Each structure stands twice: as C-alpha cells, then as structure tokens.
PDB file of N, CA and C in Angstrom:
ATOM      1  N   MET A   1      37.621 100.919 -39.788  1.00  0.00           N
ATOM      2  CA  MET A   1      38.767 101.486 -40.328  1.00  0.00           C
ATOM      3  C   MET A   1      39.324 100.164 -41.393  1.00  0.00           C
ATOM      4  N   THR A   2      38.770  99.746 -42.910  1.00  0.00           N
ATOM      5  CA  THR A   2      39.542  97.818 -43.000  1.00  0.00           C
ATOM      6  C   THR A   2      40.126  98.447 -44.459  1.00  0.00           C
ATOM      7  N   HIS A   3      40.107  97.301 -45.160  1.00  0.00           N
ATOM      8  CA  HIS A   3      41.418  97.551 -46.753  1.00  0.00           C
ATOM      9  C   HIS A   3      40.189  97.043 -47.453  1.00  0.00           C
ATOM     10  N   HIS A   4      39.555  96.536 -46.806  1.00  0.00           N
ATOM     11  CA  HIS A   4      37.843  95.968 -47.903  1.00  0.00           C
ATOM     12  C   HIS A   4      37.346  96.552 -48.055  1.00  0.00           C
ATOM     13  N   ALA A   5      36.533  96.260 -49.517  1.00  0.00           N
ATOM     14  CA  ALA A   5      35.049  96.907 -50.275  1.00  0.00           C
ATOM     15  C   ALA A   5      34.441  97.375 -49.587  1.00  0.00           C
ATOM     16  N   ARG A   6      33.829  98.246 -49.340  1.00  0.00           N
ATOM     17  CA  ARG A   6      32.836  98.943 -49.193  1.00  0.00           C
ATOM     18  C   ARG A   6      31.707  98.047 -49.264  1.00  0.00           C
ATOM     19  N   ASP A   7      31.699  97.482 -50.533  1.00  0.00           N
ATOM     20  CA  ASP A   7      30.215  96.993 -50.912  1.00  0.00           C
ATOM     21  C   ASP A   7      30.322  95.559 -50.385  1.00  0.00           C
ATOM     22  N   ALA A   8      30.952  94.108 -50.258  1.00  0.00           N
ATOM     23  CA  ALA A   8      31.592  93.179 -49.681  1.00  0.00           C
ATOM     24  C   ALA A   8      30.871  93.784 -47.738  1.00  0.00           C
ATOM     25  N   VAL A   9      31.382  95.298 -48.256  1.00  0.00           N
ATOM     26  CA  VAL A   9      31.089  94.656 -45.667  1.00  0.00           C
ATOM     27  C   VAL A   9      30.682  94.735 -45.777  1.00  0.00           C
ATOM     28  N   GLU A  10      29.659  96.277 -46.939  1.00  0.00           N
ATOM     29  CA  GLU A  10      27.766  96.709 -46.798  1.00  0.00           C
ATOM     30  C   GLU A  10      27.390  95.069 -46.390  1.00  0.00           C
ATOM     31  N   LEU A  11      27.027  93.675 -47.241  1.00  0.00           N
ATOM     32  CA  LEU A  11      26.258  92.386 -47.618  1.00  0.00           C
ATOM     33  C   LEU A  11      27.500  92.185 -46.204  1.00  0.00           C
ATOM     34  N   CYS A  12      28.528  91.825 -46.083  1.00  0.00           N
ATOM     35  CA  CYS A  12      28.477  91.366 -43.963  1.00  0.00           C
ATOM     36  C   CYS A  12      27.817  92.127 -42.843  1.00  0.00           C
ATOM     37  N   LEU A  13      27.109  93.194 -43.485  1.00  0.00           N
ATOM     38  CA  LEU A  13      27.298  94.077 -42.079  1.00  0.00           C
ATOM     39  C   LEU A  13      25.005  94.010 -43.116  1.00  0.00           C
ATOM     40  N   ALA A  14      24.960  92.957 -43.416  1.00  0.00           N
ATOM     41  CA  ALA A  14      23.523  92.601 -43.922  1.00  0.00           C
ATOM     42  C   ALA A  14      22.243  94.015 -44.031  1.00  0.00           C
ATOM     43  N   HIS A  15      22.671  94.741 -44.871  1.00  0.00           N
ATOM     44  CA  HIS A  15      21.922  95.946 -44.757  1.00  0.00           C
ATOM     45  C   HIS A  15      21.263  95.470 -46.003  1.00  0.00           C
ATOM     46  N   ALA A  16      20.042  96.545 -46.394  1.00  0.00           N
ATOM     47  CA  ALA A  16      18.883  95.866 -47.656  1.00  0.00           C
ATOM     48  C   ALA A  16      19.815  95.931 -48.917  1.00  0.00           C
ATOM     49  N   ILE A  17      19.046  95.761 -49.574  1.00  0.00           N
ATOM     50  CA  ILE A  17      19.573  95.864 -51.106  1.00  0.00           C
ATOM     51  C   ILE A  17      18.370  95.785 -51.442  1.00  0.00           C
ATOM     52  N   ASP A  18      18.178  96.534 -52.399  1.00  0.00           N
ATOM     53  CA  ASP A  18      16.368  97.162 -53.147  1.00  0.00           C
ATOM     54  C   ASP A  18      16.522  96.374 -54.025  1.00  0.00           C
ATOM     55  N   THR A  19      16.870  95.789 -54.854  1.00  0.00           N
ATOM     56  CA  THR A  19      15.777  94.266 -55.451  1.00  0.00           C
ATOM     57  C   THR A  19      16.373  93.695 -55.866  1.00  0.00           C
ATOM     58  N   GLN A  20      15.411  92.519 -55.482  1.00  0.00           N
ATOM     59  CA  GLN A  20      15.720  91.302 -55.224  1.00  0.00           C
ATOM     60  C   GLN A  20      17.563  90.782 -56.118  1.00  0.00           C
ATOM     61  N   THR A  21      17.119  91.157 -58.064  1.00  0.00           N
ATOM     62  CA  THR A  21      18.203  90.167 -58.267  1.00  0.00           C
ATOM     63  C   THR A  21      19.155  91.534 -58.467  1.00  0.00           C
ATOM     64  N   GLU A  22      19.695  91.808 -57.727  1.00  0.00           N
ATOM     65  CA  GLU A  22      20.549  92.300 -57.273  1.00  0.00           C
ATOM     66  C   GLU A  22      20.840  91.321 -55.825  1.00  0.00           C
ATOM     67  N   ALA A  23      20.479  91.126 -55.269  1.00  0.00           N
ATOM     68  CA  ALA A  23      20.678  90.895 -53.703  1.00  0.00           C
ATOM     69  C   ALA A  23      20.960  89.600 -54.403  1.00  0.00           C
ATOM     70  N   ALA A  24      20.862  89.345 -54.846  1.00  0.00           N
ATOM     71  CA  ALA A  24      21.083  87.965 -55.610  1.00  0.00           C
ATOM     72  C   ALA A  24      22.338  87.039 -56.267  1.00  0.00           C
ATOM     73  N   TYR A  25      22.567  88.500 -56.688  1.00  0.00           N
ATOM     74  CA  TYR A  25      23.881  88.801 -57.607  1.00  0.00           C
ATOM     75  C   TYR A  25      24.844  88.982 -56.069  1.00  0.00           C
ATOM     76  N   ARG A  26      24.724  89.688 -55.631  1.00  0.00           N
ATOM     77  CA  ARG A  26      25.820  89.665 -54.790  1.00  0.00           C
ATOM     78  C   ARG A  26      26.247  88.755 -54.182  1.00  0.00           C
ATOM     79  N   ARG A  27      25.447  88.120 -53.597  1.00  0.00           N
ATOM     80  CA  ARG A  27      25.220  86.917 -53.035  1.00  0.00           C
ATOM     81  C   ARG A  27      26.296  85.852 -53.276  1.00  0.00           C
ATOM     82  N   GLY A  28      25.779  85.702 -54.802  1.00  0.00           N
ATOM     83  CA  GLY A  28      27.029  84.801 -54.894  1.00  0.00           C
ATOM     84  C   GLY A  28      28.347  85.536 -55.453  1.00  0.00           C
ATOM     85  N   ASP A  29      28.049  86.773 -56.196  1.00  0.00           N
ATOM     86  CA  ASP A  29      29.801  87.038 -56.091  1.00  0.00           C
ATOM     87  C   ASP A  29      30.726  88.251 -55.456  1.00  0.00           C
ATOM     88  N   MET A  30      29.932  88.102 -54.483  1.00  0.00           N
ATOM     89  CA  MET A  30      30.892  88.698 -52.828  1.00  0.00           C
ATOM     90  C   MET A  30      31.668  87.094 -52.025  1.00  0.00           C
ATOM     91  N   LEU A  31      30.270  85.831 -51.811  1.00  0.00           N
ATOM     92  CA  LEU A  31      30.611  85.002 -51.207  1.00  0.00           C
ATOM     93  C   LEU A  31      32.209  85.008 -50.578  1.00  0.00           C
ATOM     94  N   GLU A  32      33.393  84.613 -51.602  1.00  0.00           N
ATOM     95  CA  GLU A  32      34.874  84.899 -51.431  1.00  0.00           C
ATOM     96  C   GLU A  32      35.327  85.657 -50.740  1.00  0.00           C
ATOM     97  N   LYS A  33      34.280  87.116 -50.319  1.00  0.00           N
ATOM     98  CA  LYS A  33      35.390  88.636 -50.151  1.00  0.00           C
ATOM     99  C   LYS A  33      34.720  88.424 -49.068  1.00  0.00           C
ATOM    100  N   ARG A  34      33.230  88.507 -48.921  1.00  0.00           N
ATOM    101  CA  ARG A  34      32.886  87.865 -47.613  1.00  0.00           C
ATOM    102  C   ARG A  34      33.114  86.996 -46.346  1.00  0.00           C
ATOM    103  N   VAL A  35      34.090  85.723 -47.166  1.00  0.00           N
ATOM    104  CA  VAL A  35      34.276  85.494 -46.609  1.00  0.00           C
ATOM    105  C   VAL A  35      35.690  85.541 -45.624  1.00  0.00           C
ATOM    106  N   VAL A  36      36.785  85.848 -45.932  1.00  0.00           N
ATOM    107  CA  VAL A  36      37.552  86.438 -46.027  1.00  0.00           C
ATOM    108  C   VAL A  36      37.287  88.244 -44.938  1.00  0.00           C
ATOM    109  N   ILE A  37      36.763  88.739 -45.391  1.00  0.00           N
ATOM    110  CA  ILE A  37      36.299  89.805 -44.140  1.00  0.00           C
ATOM    111  C   ILE A  37      35.454  89.423 -42.706  1.00  0.00           C
ATOM    112  N   MET A  38      34.911  88.075 -42.592  1.00  0.00           N
ATOM    113  CA  MET A  38      34.653  87.665 -41.790  1.00  0.00           C
ATOM    114  C   MET A  38      35.313  86.489 -40.873  1.00  0.00           C
ATOM    115  N   GLN A  39      36.070  85.773 -41.598  1.00  0.00           N
ATOM    116  CA  GLN A  39      37.660  85.279 -40.479  1.00  0.00           C
ATOM    117  C   GLN A  39      38.186  87.064 -40.288  1.00  0.00           C
ATOM    118  N   ASP A  40      38.659  88.278 -41.263  1.00  0.00           N
ATOM    119  CA  ASP A  40      39.336  88.967 -40.236  1.00  0.00           C
ATOM    120  C   ASP A  40      38.683  88.963 -38.548  1.00  0.00           C
ATOM    121  N   TRP A  41      36.794  89.876 -39.315  1.00  0.00           N
ATOM    122  CA  TRP A  41      36.235  90.276 -37.536  1.00  0.00           C
ATOM    123  C   TRP A  41      36.017  88.533 -36.603  1.00  0.00           C
ATOM    124  N   ALA A  42      36.741  87.885 -37.190  1.00  0.00           N
ATOM    125  CA  ALA A  42      36.798  86.726 -36.024  1.00  0.00           C
ATOM    126  C   ALA A  42      37.772  86.838 -35.118  1.00  0.00           C
ATOM    127  N   ASP A  43      38.971  86.658 -36.048  1.00  0.00           N
ATOM    128  CA  ASP A  43      40.396  86.688 -35.337  1.00  0.00           C
ATOM    129  C   ASP A  43      40.451  87.966 -34.759  1.00  0.00           C
ATOM    130  N   PHE A  44      39.931  89.138 -35.044  1.00  0.00           N
ATOM    131  CA  PHE A  44      39.543  90.700 -34.278  1.00  0.00           C
ATOM    132  C   PHE A  44      39.650  90.823 -33.139  1.00  0.00           C
ATOM    133  N   ALA A  45      38.012  89.483 -33.157  1.00  0.00           N
ATOM    134  CA  ALA A  45      37.775  89.600 -32.310  1.00  0.00           C
ATOM    135  C   ALA A  45      38.416  88.874 -30.625  1.00  0.00           C
ATOM    136  N   SER A  46      38.920  87.180 -31.710  1.00  0.00           N
ATOM    137  CA  SER A  46      38.709  86.562 -30.469  1.00  0.00           C
ATOM    138  C   SER A  46      40.736  87.816 -30.572  1.00  0.00           C
ATOM    139  N   ALA A  47      40.721  88.225 -30.562  1.00  0.00           N
ATOM    140  CA  ALA A  47      42.341  88.341 -30.382  1.00  0.00           C
ATOM    141  C   ALA A  47      42.181  89.772 -28.754  1.00  0.00           C
ATOM    142  N   ARG A  48      41.083  90.158 -28.916  1.00  0.00           N
ATOM    143  CA  ARG A  48      40.960  91.103 -27.695  1.00  0.00           C
ATOM    144  C   ARG A  48      39.693  90.742 -26.987  1.00  0.00           C
ATOM    145  N   ALA A  49      38.784  90.066 -26.513  1.00  0.00           N
ATOM    146  CA  ALA A  49      38.787  88.540 -25.521  1.00  0.00           C
ATOM    147  C   ALA A  49      39.068  88.363 -25.612  1.00  0.00           C
ATOM    148  N   THR A  50      40.460  87.510 -25.856  1.00  0.00           N
ATOM    149  CA  THR A  50      41.846  87.738 -24.482  1.00  0.00           C
ATOM    150  C   THR A  50      42.929  88.163 -24.892  1.00  0.00           C
ATOM    151  N   GLY A  51      43.025  88.544 -24.547  1.00  0.00           N
ATOM    152  CA  GLY A  51      43.919  90.092 -24.634  1.00  0.00           C
ATOM    153  C   GLY A  51      44.762  90.235 -25.096  1.00  0.00           C
ATOM    154  N   LYS A  52      44.851  89.554 -26.744  1.00  0.00           N
ATOM    155  CA  LYS A  52      46.460  89.183 -27.266  1.00  0.00           C
ATOM    156  C   LYS A  52      46.170  90.730 -28.686  1.00  0.00           C
ATOM    157  N   ALA A  53      45.234  91.401 -28.735  1.00  0.00           N
ATOM    158  CA  ALA A  53      44.568  92.260 -29.803  1.00  0.00           C
ATOM    159  C   ALA A  53      46.343  93.118 -29.748  1.00  0.00           C
ATOM    160  N   LYS A  54      46.938  93.371 -31.910  1.00  0.00           N
ATOM    161  CA  LYS A  54      48.253  94.479 -31.481  1.00  0.00           C
ATOM    162  C   LYS A  54      47.910  95.951 -30.987  1.00  0.00           C
TER     163      LYS A  54
END
C-alpha cells in the first residue's frame, strides 16, 4: 500500500513498456517521482533491518 502514483511505481519495478517511444518518455518524465519512491523504499527497508520500523 502506498500513496505513490501507480505509473511511477510500475517504472520502479522495471515492468516492461510496450513501445520504445513511451519508455523513453516515461524515463524522463517520471525520474523525480521514481527518486522519491526509491528513497521511501530505502527508508522502509532500513527501518525494518534495524528494528526501527513503525
């Protein structure tokens, strides 16, 4: 469960995109959103690993 946009999450999961043009557009367009998602994931995983999860 997350508050992040589905399209951005799908890109982080490396799910294939049908056309190269769409793939190129999404890489650039979603980069900032992907950075936030991946940082959230890193924070979550670190908290779990150190026993500091909420």
